Amino acid sequence: MSDLITIKTYGNRIEAEIDKGLLENNNIKAVISSDDCGGLYPQLSSKGVKLIIQEKDTEKANDILGIINN
């Protein structure tokens, strides 16, 4: 199995869910990680909401999400 990486960090769960859906519609497995009690207490996610993918999918995910690496 490939290593997992955080592809992007969001300010809220809704934005992360939208991008997760975009990735999954393009056959990239993605999970969301946030310390917000499963979405019940969004105010607890002070470190942001992380979108995590397998490292091998990074290039394709960047293209889909429109991320430009500098």
C-alpha atoms as a PDB file:
ATOM      1  CA  MET A   1       0.000   0.000   0.000  1.00  0.00           C
ATOM      2  CA  SER A   2       1.186   3.485  -0.804  1.00  0.00           C
ATOM      3  CA  ASP A   3       2.014   6.016   1.843  1.00  0.00           C
ATOM      4  CA  LEU A   4      -0.742   8.435   2.753  1.00  0.00           C
ATOM      5  CA  ILE A   5      -0.330  12.185   2.396  1.00  0.00           C
ATOM      6  CA  THR A   6      -2.402  15.257   3.152  1.00  0.00           C
ATOM      7  CA  ILE A   7      -3.147  16.776  -0.241  1.00  0.00           C
ATOM      8  CA  LYS A   8      -4.913  19.854   1.143  1.00  0.00           C
ATOM      9  CA  THR A   9      -6.135  21.365   4.419  1.00  0.00           C
ATOM     10  CA  TYR A  10      -9.463  23.209   4.582  1.00  0.00           C
ATOM     11  CA  GLY A  11     -11.092  25.644   6.941  1.00  0.00           C
ATOM     12  CA  ASN A  12     -14.313  23.638   7.067  1.00  0.00           C
ATOM     13  CA  ARG A  13     -15.633  20.134   6.452  1.00  0.00           C
ATOM     14  CA  ILE A  14     -18.009  21.121   3.614  1.00  0.00           C
ATOM     15  CA  GLU A  15     -15.180  22.270   1.316  1.00  0.00           C
ATOM     16  CA  ALA A  16     -13.231  19.094   2.084  1.00  0.00           C
ATOM     17  CA  GLU A  17     -16.285  16.918   1.292  1.00  0.00           C
ATOM     18  CA  ILE A  18     -16.739  18.630  -2.078  1.00  0.00           C
ATOM     19  CA  ASP A  19     -13.129  17.984  -3.109  1.00  0.00           C
ATOM     20  CA  LYS A  20     -13.301  14.432  -1.727  1.00  0.00           C
ATOM     21  CA  GLY A  21     -16.254  13.825  -4.028  1.00  0.00           C
ATOM     22  CA  LEU A  22     -14.332  15.227  -7.008  1.00  0.00           C
ATOM     23  CA  LEU A  23     -11.433  12.890  -6.323  1.00  0.00           C
ATOM     24  CA  GLU A  24     -13.625   9.845  -5.772  1.00  0.00           C
ATOM     25  CA  ASN A  25     -15.496  10.550  -9.023  1.00  0.00           C
ATOM     26  CA  ASN A  26     -12.089  10.282 -10.696  1.00  0.00           C
ATOM     27  CA  ASN A  27     -11.217   6.955  -9.024  1.00  0.00           C
ATOM     28  CA  ILE A  28      -8.955   8.389  -6.327  1.00  0.00           C
ATOM     29  CA  LYS A  29      -9.638   7.083  -2.848  1.00  0.00           C
ATOM     30  CA  ALA A  30      -9.730   9.904  -0.307  1.00  0.00           C
ATOM     31  CA  VAL A  31     -10.501  10.276   3.387  1.00  0.00           C
ATOM     32  CA  ILE A  32     -11.148  13.283   5.572  1.00  0.00           C
ATOM     33  CA  SER A  33      -9.439  13.758   8.904  1.00  0.00           C
ATOM     34  CA  SER A  34     -10.500  16.352  11.441  1.00  0.00           C
ATOM     35  CA  ASP A  35     -10.541  16.525  15.210  1.00  0.00           C
ATOM     36  CA  ASP A  36     -14.184  17.642  15.337  1.00  0.00           C
ATOM     37  CA  CYS A  37     -15.945  14.620  16.871  1.00  0.00           C
ATOM     38  CA  GLY A  38     -17.136  13.308  13.515  1.00  0.00           C
ATOM     39  CA  GLY A  39     -18.484  16.668  12.423  1.00  0.00           C
ATOM     40  CA  LEU A  40     -20.605  17.218  15.540  1.00  0.00           C
ATOM     41  CA  TYR A  41     -18.391  20.014  16.863  1.00  0.00           C
ATOM     42  CA  PRO A  42     -16.827  21.857  13.912  1.00  0.00           C
ATOM     43  CA  GLN A  43     -15.483  24.550  16.230  1.00  0.00           C
ATOM     44  CA  LEU A  44     -12.992  21.968  17.543  1.00  0.00           C
ATOM     45  CA  SER A  45     -11.203  21.607  14.190  1.00  0.00           C
ATOM     46  CA  SER A  46      -8.668  24.325  14.931  1.00  0.00           C
ATOM     47  CA  LYS A  47      -5.981  22.503  12.941  1.00  0.00           C
ATOM     48  CA  GLY A  48      -8.190  22.377   9.873  1.00  0.00           C
ATOM     49  CA  VAL A  49      -9.854  19.581   7.966  1.00  0.00           C
ATOM     50  CA  LYS A  50      -7.371  17.401   6.078  1.00  0.00           C
ATOM     51  CA  LEU A  51      -8.005  15.622   2.791  1.00  0.00           C
ATOM     52  CA  ILE A  52      -5.813  12.522   2.646  1.00  0.00           C
ATOM     53  CA  ILE A  53      -4.933  10.396  -0.381  1.00  0.00           C
ATOM     54  CA  GLN A  54      -2.387   7.781  -1.380  1.00  0.00           C
ATOM     55  CA  GLU A  55       0.910   9.335  -2.413  1.00  0.00           C
ATOM     56  CA  LYS A  56       0.811   7.579  -5.805  1.00  0.00           C
ATOM     57  CA  ASP A  57      -2.299   9.624  -6.715  1.00  0.00           C
ATOM     58  CA  THR A  58      -0.754  13.026  -5.943  1.00  0.00           C
ATOM     59  CA  GLU A  59      -0.169  14.200  -9.509  1.00  0.00           C
ATOM     60  CA  LYS A  60      -3.635  13.247 -10.724  1.00  0.00           C
ATOM     61  CA  ALA A  61      -5.272  14.757  -7.605  1.00  0.00           C
ATOM     62  CA  ASN A  62      -3.352  18.013  -8.066  1.00  0.00           C
ATOM     63  CA  ASP A  63      -4.624  18.233 -11.643  1.00  0.00           C
ATOM     64  CA  ILE A  64      -8.203  17.583 -10.556  1.00  0.00           C
ATOM     65  CA  LEU A  65      -8.145  20.008  -7.662  1.00  0.00           C
ATOM     66  CA  GLY A  66      -6.222  22.660  -9.588  1.00  0.00           C
ATOM     67  CA  ILE A  67      -3.393  22.821  -7.120  1.00  0.00           C
ATOM     68  CA  ILE A  68      -0.232  24.449  -8.426  1.00  0.00           C
ATOM     69  CA  ASN A  69       2.925  23.314  -6.640  1.00  0.00           C
ATOM     70  CA  ASN A  70       5.548  26.022  -6.454  1.00  0.00           C
END
